[in-house]
Amino acid sequence: KHSAWKITQVLTTPDKESAFEKLSVPCLLIDPEKIGSPETIKNIKKAKPDVFLFYGWSWMIPEMLYKNYPSLILHPSPLPKYRGGSPIQNQIIAGEQTSAVTILQATADVDAGDIYTQSIISFEGSLNQIFNRIIKTGSKDTVLLLDGLAAKTLKPTPQDLSKGSYHKRRKLGDSEITLDDIR
């Protein structure tokens, strides 16, 4: 709302299209497993993007995209800690009281790119409150980041992956609590 940046097209999965209806911008619907297909790449090039925001994206990003366009990922953890899947769940299970909203450059390795912004957030309250904090912080940081990229004043910081951790995506069965767990 408060930025000179304008969304001109959204690249999304069919199940998420309705989330973008309020924006009144065209959606390019793709199968995330086929984002690197020649047809999808052709459609992306035709759109002439300035930047990609892979927020809430759970699939690998093709090299052609992150090598040719700023391709940014929002990851809700204090990277390099909690790289990989289910970062919020894994932090809560570990007893973390605070986290971070990190925006980083996409690379071939999962959540391993250079960091552009990282803002600390609280894990207090309900899951909805935590998600709202992530959205508010991520939105504010994204505008600052895009402005910095346009002005060529922003320099990313490489991650020291030796000081981090990697976690696999949790599955539904990973959260099952049995009677043996509570006895």
N, C-alpha and C. Protein backbone atom coordinates (compact mmCIF):
# COMPACT_ATOMS: atom_id res chain seq x y z
N LYS A 1 0.81 -1.21 0.00
CA LYS A 1 0.00 0.00 0.00
C LYS A 1 0.85 1.26 0.00
N HIS A 2 1.94 1.26 0.71
CA HIS A 2 2.72 2.47 0.90
C HIS A 2 4.01 2.47 0.10
N SER A 3 4.01 1.81 -1.02
CA SER A 3 5.22 1.68 -1.80
C SER A 3 4.98 2.06 -3.25
N ALA A 4 6.05 2.47 -3.90
CA ALA A 4 5.96 2.78 -5.32
C ALA A 4 5.94 1.51 -6.16
N TRP A 5 6.23 0.38 -5.53
CA TRP A 5 6.26 -0.89 -6.24
C TRP A 5 4.85 -1.34 -6.56
N LYS A 6 4.68 -1.91 -7.75
CA LYS A 6 3.38 -2.39 -8.19
C LYS A 6 3.51 -3.84 -8.65
N ILE A 7 2.61 -4.67 -8.17
CA ILE A 7 2.58 -6.06 -8.61
C ILE A 7 1.85 -6.11 -9.94
N THR A 8 2.52 -6.61 -10.96
CA THR A 8 1.91 -6.65 -12.29
C THR A 8 1.51 -8.05 -12.71
N GLN A 9 2.06 -9.06 -12.06
CA GLN A 9 1.68 -10.43 -12.35
C GLN A 9 2.09 -11.31 -11.18
N VAL A 10 1.28 -12.33 -10.95
CA VAL A 10 1.57 -13.27 -9.88
C VAL A 10 1.76 -14.65 -10.51
N LEU A 11 2.82 -15.30 -10.13
CA LEU A 11 3.10 -16.68 -10.53
C LEU A 11 2.73 -17.52 -9.32
N THR A 12 1.71 -18.37 -9.44
CA THR A 12 1.26 -19.12 -8.28
C THR A 12 0.72 -20.48 -8.69
N THR A 13 0.43 -21.28 -7.69
CA THR A 13 -0.15 -22.60 -7.92
C THR A 13 -1.67 -22.46 -7.99
N PRO A 14 -2.35 -23.35 -8.71
CA PRO A 14 -3.80 -23.24 -8.86
C PRO A 14 -4.56 -23.17 -7.53
N ASP A 15 -4.10 -23.87 -6.52
CA ASP A 15 -4.80 -23.87 -5.23
C ASP A 15 -4.66 -22.55 -4.47
N LYS A 16 -3.77 -21.67 -4.89
CA LYS A 16 -3.56 -20.39 -4.21
C LYS A 16 -4.10 -19.19 -5.00
N GLU A 17 -4.64 -19.43 -6.20
CA GLU A 17 -5.08 -18.33 -7.06
C GLU A 17 -6.07 -17.41 -6.36
N SER A 18 -7.01 -17.95 -5.60
CA SER A 18 -8.03 -17.12 -4.97
C SER A 18 -7.44 -16.10 -3.99
N ALA A 19 -6.27 -16.40 -3.44
CA ALA A 19 -5.63 -15.46 -2.51
C ALA A 19 -5.21 -14.17 -3.19
N PHE A 20 -5.11 -14.18 -4.52
CA PHE A 20 -4.63 -13.01 -5.25
C PHE A 20 -5.74 -12.27 -6.00
N GLU A 21 -6.98 -12.72 -5.86
CA GLU A 21 -8.09 -12.09 -6.59
C GLU A 21 -8.24 -10.61 -6.23
N LYS A 22 -8.02 -10.25 -4.97
CA LYS A 22 -8.17 -8.86 -4.53
C LYS A 22 -7.15 -7.92 -5.19
N LEU A 23 -6.04 -8.46 -5.68
CA LEU A 23 -5.00 -7.64 -6.30
C LEU A 23 -5.38 -7.19 -7.70
N SER A 24 -6.32 -7.87 -8.31
CA SER A 24 -6.74 -7.57 -9.69
C SER A 24 -5.55 -7.53 -10.65
N VAL A 25 -4.69 -8.51 -10.53
CA VAL A 25 -3.56 -8.65 -11.45
C VAL A 25 -3.61 -10.04 -12.06
N PRO A 26 -3.08 -10.20 -13.26
CA PRO A 26 -3.10 -11.53 -13.88
C PRO A 26 -2.27 -12.53 -13.09
N CYS A 27 -2.77 -13.75 -13.03
CA CYS A 27 -2.04 -14.85 -12.38
C CYS A 27 -1.60 -15.84 -13.44
N LEU A 28 -0.34 -16.20 -13.40
CA LEU A 28 0.18 -17.27 -14.23
C LEU A 28 0.18 -18.51 -13.33
N LEU A 29 -0.72 -19.44 -13.62
CA LEU A 29 -0.85 -20.64 -12.80
C LEU A 29 0.12 -21.70 -13.29
N ILE A 30 0.87 -22.26 -12.35
CA ILE A 30 1.86 -23.26 -12.72
C ILE A 30 1.81 -24.44 -11.78
N ASP A 31 2.24 -25.55 -12.27
CA ASP A 31 2.48 -26.72 -11.44
C ASP A 31 3.87 -26.51 -10.86
N PRO A 32 4.00 -26.41 -9.53
CA PRO A 32 5.33 -26.12 -8.95
C PRO A 32 6.38 -27.15 -9.30
N GLU A 33 5.95 -28.36 -9.59
CA GLU A 33 6.91 -29.40 -9.97
C GLU A 33 7.44 -29.16 -11.39
N LYS A 34 6.76 -28.28 -12.15
CA LYS A 34 7.14 -28.02 -13.54
C LYS A 34 7.57 -26.57 -13.76
N ILE A 35 7.98 -25.89 -12.70
CA ILE A 35 8.36 -24.48 -12.84
C ILE A 35 9.54 -24.31 -13.79
N GLY A 36 10.37 -25.32 -13.93
CA GLY A 36 11.52 -25.23 -14.83
C GLY A 36 11.24 -25.71 -16.24
N SER A 37 9.99 -26.03 -16.55
CA SER A 37 9.67 -26.54 -17.89
C SER A 37 9.85 -25.44 -18.93
N PRO A 38 10.17 -25.81 -20.18
CA PRO A 38 10.37 -24.80 -21.23
C PRO A 38 9.15 -23.89 -21.41
N GLU A 39 7.94 -24.44 -21.31
CA GLU A 39 6.74 -23.62 -21.49
C GLU A 39 6.60 -22.59 -20.37
N THR A 40 6.83 -23.01 -19.13
CA THR A 40 6.73 -22.08 -18.00
C THR A 40 7.80 -21.00 -18.10
N ILE A 41 9.03 -21.39 -18.42
CA ILE A 41 10.12 -20.42 -18.55
C ILE A 41 9.80 -19.42 -19.66
N LYS A 42 9.24 -19.89 -20.77
CA LYS A 42 8.86 -19.00 -21.87
C LYS A 42 7.82 -17.98 -21.40
N ASN A 43 6.82 -18.44 -20.65
CA ASN A 43 5.79 -17.53 -20.13
C ASN A 43 6.36 -16.53 -19.14
N ILE A 44 7.31 -16.97 -18.34
CA ILE A 44 7.95 -16.07 -17.37
C ILE A 44 8.75 -15.00 -18.10
N LYS A 45 9.53 -15.39 -19.10
CA LYS A 45 10.32 -14.41 -19.86
C LYS A 45 9.41 -13.39 -20.55
N LYS A 46 8.27 -13.85 -21.05
CA LYS A 46 7.32 -12.98 -21.72
C LYS A 46 6.80 -11.89 -20.77
N ALA A 47 6.68 -12.23 -19.50
CA ALA A 47 6.18 -11.28 -18.50
C ALA A 47 7.22 -10.22 -18.14
N LYS A 48 8.48 -10.43 -18.47
CA LYS A 48 9.58 -9.49 -18.19
C LYS A 48 9.62 -9.06 -16.71
N PRO A 49 9.81 -10.00 -15.82
CA PRO A 49 9.79 -9.66 -14.39
C PRO A 49 11.02 -8.86 -13.97
N ASP A 50 10.84 -8.03 -12.96
CA ASP A 50 11.95 -7.31 -12.34
C ASP A 50 12.54 -8.11 -11.19
N VAL A 51 11.66 -8.80 -10.47
CA VAL A 51 12.08 -9.53 -9.28
C VAL A 51 11.05 -10.64 -9.01
N PHE A 52 11.51 -11.71 -8.39
CA PHE A 52 10.63 -12.78 -7.94
C PHE A 52 10.64 -12.80 -6.42
N LEU A 53 9.45 -12.92 -5.84
CA LEU A 53 9.31 -13.08 -4.40
C LEU A 53 8.75 -14.48 -4.16
N PHE A 54 9.60 -15.39 -3.76
CA PHE A 54 9.18 -16.76 -3.47
C PHE A 54 8.84 -16.85 -1.99
N TYR A 55 7.65 -16.36 -1.66
CA TYR A 55 7.19 -16.33 -0.27
C TYR A 55 6.13 -17.41 -0.11
N GLY A 56 6.32 -18.29 0.85
CA GLY A 56 5.41 -19.41 1.02
C GLY A 56 5.60 -20.49 -0.03
N TRP A 57 6.75 -20.47 -0.69
CA TRP A 57 7.06 -21.40 -1.78
C TRP A 57 7.81 -22.59 -1.19
N SER A 58 7.42 -23.80 -1.54
CA SER A 58 8.03 -24.99 -0.94
C SER A 58 8.75 -25.88 -1.94
N TRP A 59 9.08 -25.37 -3.10
CA TRP A 59 9.70 -26.18 -4.14
C TRP A 59 11.02 -25.56 -4.55
N MET A 60 11.87 -26.36 -5.17
CA MET A 60 13.15 -25.85 -5.64
C MET A 60 12.92 -24.84 -6.77
N ILE A 61 13.74 -23.83 -6.80
CA ILE A 61 13.63 -22.76 -7.78
C ILE A 61 14.65 -23.03 -8.89
N PRO A 62 14.22 -22.99 -10.15
CA PRO A 62 15.16 -23.29 -11.25
C PRO A 62 16.32 -22.30 -11.31
N GLU A 63 17.48 -22.83 -11.61
CA GLU A 63 18.69 -22.01 -11.72
C GLU A 63 18.48 -20.86 -12.70
N MET A 64 17.77 -21.11 -13.80
CA MET A 64 17.54 -20.06 -14.80
C MET A 64 16.90 -18.82 -14.17
N LEU A 65 16.05 -19.01 -13.17
CA LEU A 65 15.39 -17.86 -12.53
C LEU A 65 16.33 -17.13 -11.58
N TYR A 66 16.93 -17.86 -10.62
CA TYR A 66 17.75 -17.15 -9.64
C TYR A 66 19.07 -16.65 -10.20
N LYS A 67 19.50 -17.15 -11.35
CA LYS A 67 20.72 -16.64 -11.98
C LYS A 67 20.44 -15.38 -12.82
N ASN A 68 19.19 -15.21 -13.28
CA ASN A 68 18.86 -14.11 -14.19
C ASN A 68 17.98 -13.02 -13.59
N TYR A 69 17.38 -13.28 -12.44
CA TYR A 69 16.50 -12.30 -11.80
C TYR A 69 16.75 -12.32 -10.30
N PRO A 70 16.61 -11.16 -9.65
CA PRO A 70 16.60 -11.24 -8.19
C PRO A 70 15.47 -12.17 -7.78
N SER A 71 15.79 -13.23 -7.08
CA SER A 71 14.81 -14.24 -6.67
C SER A 71 14.91 -14.38 -5.16
N LEU A 72 13.96 -13.79 -4.48
CA LEU A 72 14.02 -13.66 -3.03
C LEU A 72 13.10 -14.65 -2.34
N ILE A 73 13.56 -15.17 -1.24
CA ILE A 73 12.82 -16.12 -0.43
C ILE A 73 12.59 -15.47 0.93
N LEU A 74 11.36 -15.61 1.46
CA LEU A 74 11.10 -15.23 2.83
C LEU A 74 11.08 -16.52 3.64
N HIS A 75 11.94 -16.58 4.64
CA HIS A 75 12.03 -17.77 5.49
C HIS A 75 11.85 -17.34 6.95
N PRO A 76 10.86 -17.92 7.65
CA PRO A 76 10.60 -17.51 9.03
C PRO A 76 11.49 -18.21 10.05
N SER A 77 12.78 -17.87 10.02
CA SER A 77 13.71 -18.36 11.03
C SER A 77 14.94 -17.46 11.03
N PRO A 78 15.70 -17.53 12.11
CA PRO A 78 16.95 -16.75 12.18
C PRO A 78 18.07 -17.49 11.45
N LEU A 79 17.99 -17.53 10.14
CA LEU A 79 19.00 -18.25 9.37
C LEU A 79 20.40 -17.80 9.77
N PRO A 80 21.34 -18.72 9.80
CA PRO A 80 21.34 -20.03 9.20
C PRO A 80 20.67 -21.13 10.04
N LYS A 81 20.11 -20.80 11.20
CA LYS A 81 19.41 -21.80 12.00
C LYS A 81 18.06 -22.13 11.37
N TYR A 82 17.66 -23.36 11.49
CA TYR A 82 16.34 -23.84 11.04
C TYR A 82 16.14 -23.71 9.54
N ARG A 83 17.21 -23.97 8.77
CA ARG A 83 17.04 -24.07 7.31
C ARG A 83 16.14 -25.25 7.02
N GLY A 84 15.50 -25.24 5.85
CA GLY A 84 14.70 -26.38 5.43
C GLY A 84 13.23 -26.22 5.77
N GLY A 85 12.54 -27.35 5.81
CA GLY A 85 11.09 -27.36 5.94
C GLY A 85 10.59 -27.16 7.36
N SER A 86 9.35 -26.73 7.46
CA SER A 86 8.63 -26.56 8.72
C SER A 86 9.40 -25.74 9.75
N PRO A 87 9.93 -24.58 9.37
CA PRO A 87 10.76 -23.83 10.32
C PRO A 87 10.00 -23.37 11.56
N ILE A 88 8.76 -22.96 11.41
CA ILE A 88 8.01 -22.48 12.57
C ILE A 88 7.76 -23.63 13.54
N GLN A 89 7.28 -24.75 13.02
CA GLN A 89 7.00 -25.90 13.87
C GLN A 89 8.27 -26.38 14.58
N ASN A 90 9.37 -26.47 13.84
CA ASN A 90 10.61 -26.96 14.45
C ASN A 90 11.13 -26.01 15.52
N GLN A 91 10.94 -24.72 15.35
CA GLN A 91 11.37 -23.77 16.38
C GLN A 91 10.50 -23.87 17.63
N ILE A 92 9.19 -24.00 17.44
CA ILE A 92 8.29 -24.12 18.58
C ILE A 92 8.60 -25.40 19.36
N ILE A 93 8.81 -26.51 18.67
CA ILE A 93 9.15 -27.77 19.33
C ILE A 93 10.46 -27.64 20.11
N ALA A 94 11.40 -26.86 19.57
CA ALA A 94 12.69 -26.66 20.26
C ALA A 94 12.58 -25.69 21.43
N GLY A 95 11.41 -25.07 21.61
CA GLY A 95 11.22 -24.16 22.74
C GLY A 95 11.70 -22.74 22.50
N GLU A 96 11.90 -22.37 21.25
CA GLU A 96 12.36 -21.00 20.94
C GLU A 96 11.28 -19.99 21.36
N GLN A 97 11.70 -18.89 21.93
CA GLN A 97 10.78 -17.81 22.32
C GLN A 97 10.76 -16.69 21.29
N THR A 98 11.82 -16.59 20.51
CA THR A 98 11.91 -15.60 19.45
C THR A 98 12.35 -16.28 18.17
N SER A 99 12.09 -15.61 17.07
CA SER A 99 12.51 -16.11 15.76
C SER A 99 12.93 -14.91 14.94
N ALA A 100 12.89 -15.06 13.63
CA ALA A 100 13.21 -13.95 12.75
C ALA A 100 12.49 -14.15 11.43
N VAL A 101 12.27 -13.05 10.75
CA VAL A 101 11.81 -13.08 9.36
C VAL A 101 13.03 -12.74 8.53
N THR A 102 13.47 -13.69 7.73
CA THR A 102 14.68 -13.53 6.94
C THR A 102 14.32 -13.51 5.46
N ILE A 103 14.86 -12.55 4.74
CA ILE A 103 14.70 -12.52 3.28
C ILE A 103 16.09 -12.73 2.69
N LEU A 104 16.17 -13.75 1.82
CA LEU A 104 17.45 -14.14 1.28
C LEU A 104 17.36 -14.41 -0.21
N GLN A 105 18.51 -14.48 -0.84
CA GLN A 105 18.61 -14.79 -2.27
C GLN A 105 18.47 -16.30 -2.47
N ALA A 106 17.68 -16.70 -3.46
CA ALA A 106 17.56 -18.12 -3.80
C ALA A 106 18.87 -18.64 -4.38
N THR A 107 19.18 -19.89 -4.07
CA THR A 107 20.36 -20.57 -4.61
C THR A 107 19.99 -22.03 -4.87
N ALA A 108 20.95 -22.80 -5.33
CA ALA A 108 20.72 -24.22 -5.57
C ALA A 108 20.52 -24.99 -4.27
N ASP A 109 21.06 -24.49 -3.17
CA ASP A 109 20.93 -25.16 -1.88
C ASP A 109 19.77 -24.54 -1.10
N VAL A 110 19.08 -25.36 -0.33
CA VAL A 110 17.90 -24.93 0.41
C VAL A 110 18.25 -23.90 1.47
N ASP A 111 17.62 -22.73 1.37
CA ASP A 111 17.73 -21.65 2.37
C ASP A 111 19.18 -21.31 2.71
N ALA A 112 20.05 -21.35 1.72
CA ALA A 112 21.48 -21.15 1.95
C ALA A 112 22.01 -19.87 1.33
N GLY A 113 21.17 -19.09 0.67
CA GLY A 113 21.63 -17.90 -0.03
C GLY A 113 22.02 -16.77 0.90
N ASP A 114 22.58 -15.73 0.29
CA ASP A 114 22.97 -14.55 1.05
C ASP A 114 21.73 -13.87 1.62
N ILE A 115 21.87 -13.32 2.82
CA ILE A 115 20.75 -12.70 3.53
C ILE A 115 20.72 -11.20 3.24
N TYR A 116 19.53 -10.72 2.85
CA TYR A 116 19.31 -9.29 2.63
C TYR A 116 18.78 -8.61 3.88
N THR A 117 17.78 -9.19 4.50
CA THR A 117 17.21 -8.61 5.72
C THR A 117 16.90 -9.73 6.71
N GLN A 118 16.97 -9.38 7.98
CA GLN A 118 16.60 -10.32 9.03
C GLN A 118 16.10 -9.51 10.22
N SER A 119 14.82 -9.69 10.54
CA SER A 119 14.20 -8.95 11.65
C SER A 119 13.68 -9.93 12.69
N ILE A 120 14.03 -9.69 13.94
CA ILE A 120 13.61 -10.55 15.05
C ILE A 120 12.12 -10.35 15.31
N ILE A 121 11.44 -11.47 15.58
CA ILE A 121 10.02 -11.43 15.99
C ILE A 121 9.84 -12.32 17.22
N SER A 122 8.76 -12.06 17.94
CA SER A 122 8.42 -12.85 19.11
C SER A 122 7.60 -14.07 18.71
N PHE A 123 7.76 -15.13 19.46
CA PHE A 123 6.92 -16.32 19.28
C PHE A 123 5.83 -16.36 20.36
N GLU A 124 5.57 -15.23 21.02
CA GLU A 124 4.51 -15.18 22.02
C GLU A 124 3.15 -15.20 21.34
N GLY A 125 2.17 -15.74 22.04
CA GLY A 125 0.80 -15.69 21.55
C GLY A 125 0.41 -16.89 20.72
N SER A 126 -0.73 -16.74 20.06
CA SER A 126 -1.28 -17.82 19.25
C SER A 126 -0.53 -17.93 17.92
N LEU A 127 -0.79 -19.03 17.22
CA LEU A 127 -0.18 -19.22 15.90
C LEU A 127 -0.63 -18.12 14.94
N ASN A 128 -1.89 -17.70 15.03
CA ASN A 128 -2.37 -16.60 14.19
C ASN A 128 -1.60 -15.31 14.47
N GLN A 129 -1.32 -15.03 15.73
CA GLN A 129 -0.54 -13.84 16.08
C GLN A 129 0.88 -13.93 15.52
N ILE A 130 1.46 -15.12 15.59
CA ILE A 130 2.81 -15.31 15.05
C ILE A 130 2.79 -15.11 13.54
N PHE A 131 1.82 -15.71 12.84
CA PHE A 131 1.71 -15.53 11.39
C PHE A 131 1.51 -14.06 11.03
N ASN A 132 0.67 -13.36 11.77
CA ASN A 132 0.45 -11.93 11.50
C ASN A 132 1.74 -11.12 11.68
N ARG A 133 2.54 -11.48 12.68
CA ARG A 133 3.82 -10.82 12.88
C ARG A 133 4.75 -11.08 11.70
N ILE A 134 4.77 -12.32 11.22
CA ILE A 134 5.61 -12.67 10.07
C ILE A 134 5.17 -11.87 8.85
N ILE A 135 3.86 -11.80 8.60
CA ILE A 135 3.34 -11.07 7.44
C ILE A 135 3.67 -9.58 7.54
N LYS A 136 3.41 -8.98 8.69
CA LYS A 136 3.67 -7.54 8.86
C LYS A 136 5.15 -7.22 8.71
N THR A 137 5.99 -7.99 9.37
CA THR A 137 7.44 -7.76 9.30
C THR A 137 7.95 -8.04 7.89
N GLY A 138 7.50 -9.14 7.29
CA GLY A 138 7.93 -9.49 5.94
C GLY A 138 7.53 -8.44 4.92
N SER A 139 6.33 -7.90 5.05
CA SER A 139 5.87 -6.85 4.12
C SER A 139 6.72 -5.60 4.24
N LYS A 140 6.94 -5.16 5.47
CA LYS A 140 7.76 -3.96 5.70
C LYS A 140 9.18 -4.16 5.17
N ASP A 141 9.77 -5.30 5.49
CA ASP A 141 11.14 -5.58 5.05
C ASP A 141 11.23 -5.72 3.53
N THR A 142 10.18 -6.26 2.91
CA THR A 142 10.18 -6.43 1.45
C THR A 142 10.22 -5.08 0.75
N VAL A 143 9.43 -4.14 1.21
CA VAL A 143 9.43 -2.80 0.60
C VAL A 143 10.81 -2.15 0.74
N LEU A 144 11.39 -2.22 1.94
CA LEU A 144 12.73 -1.66 2.14
C LEU A 144 13.75 -2.36 1.25
N LEU A 145 13.62 -3.66 1.13
CA LEU A 145 14.54 -4.44 0.32
C LEU A 145 14.42 -4.08 -1.15
N LEU A 146 13.19 -4.00 -1.67
CA LEU A 146 13.00 -3.65 -3.08
C LEU A 146 13.52 -2.25 -3.37
N ASP A 147 13.27 -1.32 -2.45
CA ASP A 147 13.79 0.04 -2.62
C ASP A 147 15.32 0.03 -2.64
N GLY A 148 15.93 -0.77 -1.76
CA GLY A 148 17.39 -0.88 -1.72
C GLY A 148 17.97 -1.54 -2.97
N LEU A 149 17.27 -2.55 -3.48
CA LEU A 149 17.72 -3.18 -4.72
C LEU A 149 17.65 -2.21 -5.89
N ALA A 150 16.56 -1.44 -5.97
CA ALA A 150 16.39 -0.48 -7.06
C ALA A 150 17.46 0.60 -7.01
N ALA A 151 17.78 1.04 -5.80
CA ALA A 151 18.79 2.09 -5.63
C ALA A 151 20.22 1.54 -5.67
N LYS A 152 20.34 0.22 -5.72
CA LYS A 152 21.64 -0.46 -5.71
C LYS A 152 22.46 -0.11 -4.47
N THR A 153 21.76 0.02 -3.33
CA THR A 153 22.43 0.37 -2.08
C THR A 153 22.46 -0.80 -1.10
N LEU A 154 21.85 -1.89 -1.47
CA LEU A 154 21.72 -3.02 -0.55
C LEU A 154 22.74 -4.10 -0.87
N LYS A 155 23.48 -4.50 0.13
CA LYS A 155 24.47 -5.56 -0.04
C LYS A 155 24.09 -6.73 0.87
N PRO A 156 23.93 -7.92 0.30
CA PRO A 156 23.57 -9.07 1.13
C PRO A 156 24.76 -9.57 1.94
N THR A 157 24.45 -10.31 2.99
CA THR A 157 25.46 -10.89 3.86
C THR A 157 25.48 -12.40 3.68
N PRO A 158 26.64 -12.98 3.36
CA PRO A 158 26.70 -14.45 3.23
C PRO A 158 26.40 -15.13 4.56
N GLN A 159 25.77 -16.29 4.49
CA GLN A 159 25.49 -17.07 5.69
C GLN A 159 26.71 -17.92 6.04
N ASP A 160 26.92 -18.12 7.32
CA ASP A 160 27.90 -19.09 7.78
C ASP A 160 27.13 -20.36 8.14
N LEU A 161 26.99 -21.26 7.17
CA LEU A 161 26.16 -22.44 7.36
C LEU A 161 26.69 -23.37 8.44
N SER A 162 27.96 -23.24 8.80
CA SER A 162 28.51 -24.08 9.86
C SER A 162 27.91 -23.72 11.22
N LYS A 163 27.29 -22.54 11.33
CA LYS A 163 26.67 -22.10 12.59
C LYS A 163 25.16 -22.33 12.57
N GLY A 164 24.68 -23.04 11.58
CA GLY A 164 23.25 -23.22 11.44
C GLY A 164 22.80 -24.65 11.63
N SER A 165 21.55 -24.87 11.26
CA SER A 165 20.96 -26.21 11.34
C SER A 165 20.00 -26.39 10.18
N TYR A 166 19.75 -27.65 9.85
CA TYR A 166 18.84 -27.98 8.76
C TYR A 166 17.81 -28.98 9.28
N HIS A 167 16.55 -28.76 8.93
CA HIS A 167 15.47 -29.63 9.37
C HIS A 167 14.63 -30.04 8.17
N LYS A 168 14.18 -31.29 8.18
CA LYS A 168 13.29 -31.76 7.13
C LYS A 168 11.87 -31.29 7.41
N ARG A 169 11.07 -31.22 6.36
CA ARG A 169 9.67 -30.85 6.50
C ARG A 169 8.96 -31.90 7.35
N ARG A 170 8.18 -31.42 8.31
CA ARG A 170 7.40 -32.31 9.15
C ARG A 170 6.20 -32.82 8.37
N LYS A 171 5.83 -34.04 8.63
CA LYS A 171 4.65 -34.64 8.02
C LYS A 171 3.54 -34.71 9.07
N LEU A 172 2.33 -34.92 8.63
CA LEU A 172 1.19 -34.98 9.53
C LEU A 172 1.42 -35.97 10.67
N GLY A 173 1.95 -37.15 10.35
CA GLY A 173 2.21 -38.16 11.37
C GLY A 173 3.26 -37.76 12.39
N ASP A 174 4.12 -36.80 12.05
CA ASP A 174 5.16 -36.34 12.99
C ASP A 174 4.56 -35.59 14.18
N SER A 175 3.34 -35.14 14.05
CA SER A 175 2.71 -34.36 15.11
C SER A 175 1.71 -35.16 15.93
N GLU A 176 1.59 -36.43 15.62
CA GLU A 176 0.65 -37.28 16.35
C GLU A 176 1.16 -37.49 17.77
N ILE A 177 0.27 -37.32 18.71
CA ILE A 177 0.60 -37.57 20.13
C ILE A 177 -0.15 -38.83 20.54
N THR A 178 0.57 -39.80 21.05
CA THR A 178 -0.04 -41.05 21.49
C THR A 178 -0.13 -41.07 23.02
N LEU A 179 -0.87 -42.05 23.57
CA LEU A 179 -0.95 -42.19 25.01
C LEU A 179 0.41 -42.44 25.62
N ASP A 180 1.27 -43.17 24.91
CA ASP A 180 2.62 -43.44 25.42
C ASP A 180 3.43 -42.15 25.57
N ASP A 181 3.14 -41.15 24.71
CA ASP A 181 3.88 -39.89 24.77
C ASP A 181 3.54 -39.09 26.03
N ILE A 182 2.35 -39.26 26.57
CA ILE A 182 1.93 -38.42 27.70
C ILE A 182 1.94 -39.16 29.03
N ARG A 183 2.29 -40.43 29.01
CA ARG A 183 2.34 -41.20 30.28
C ARG A 183 3.62 -40.97 31.00
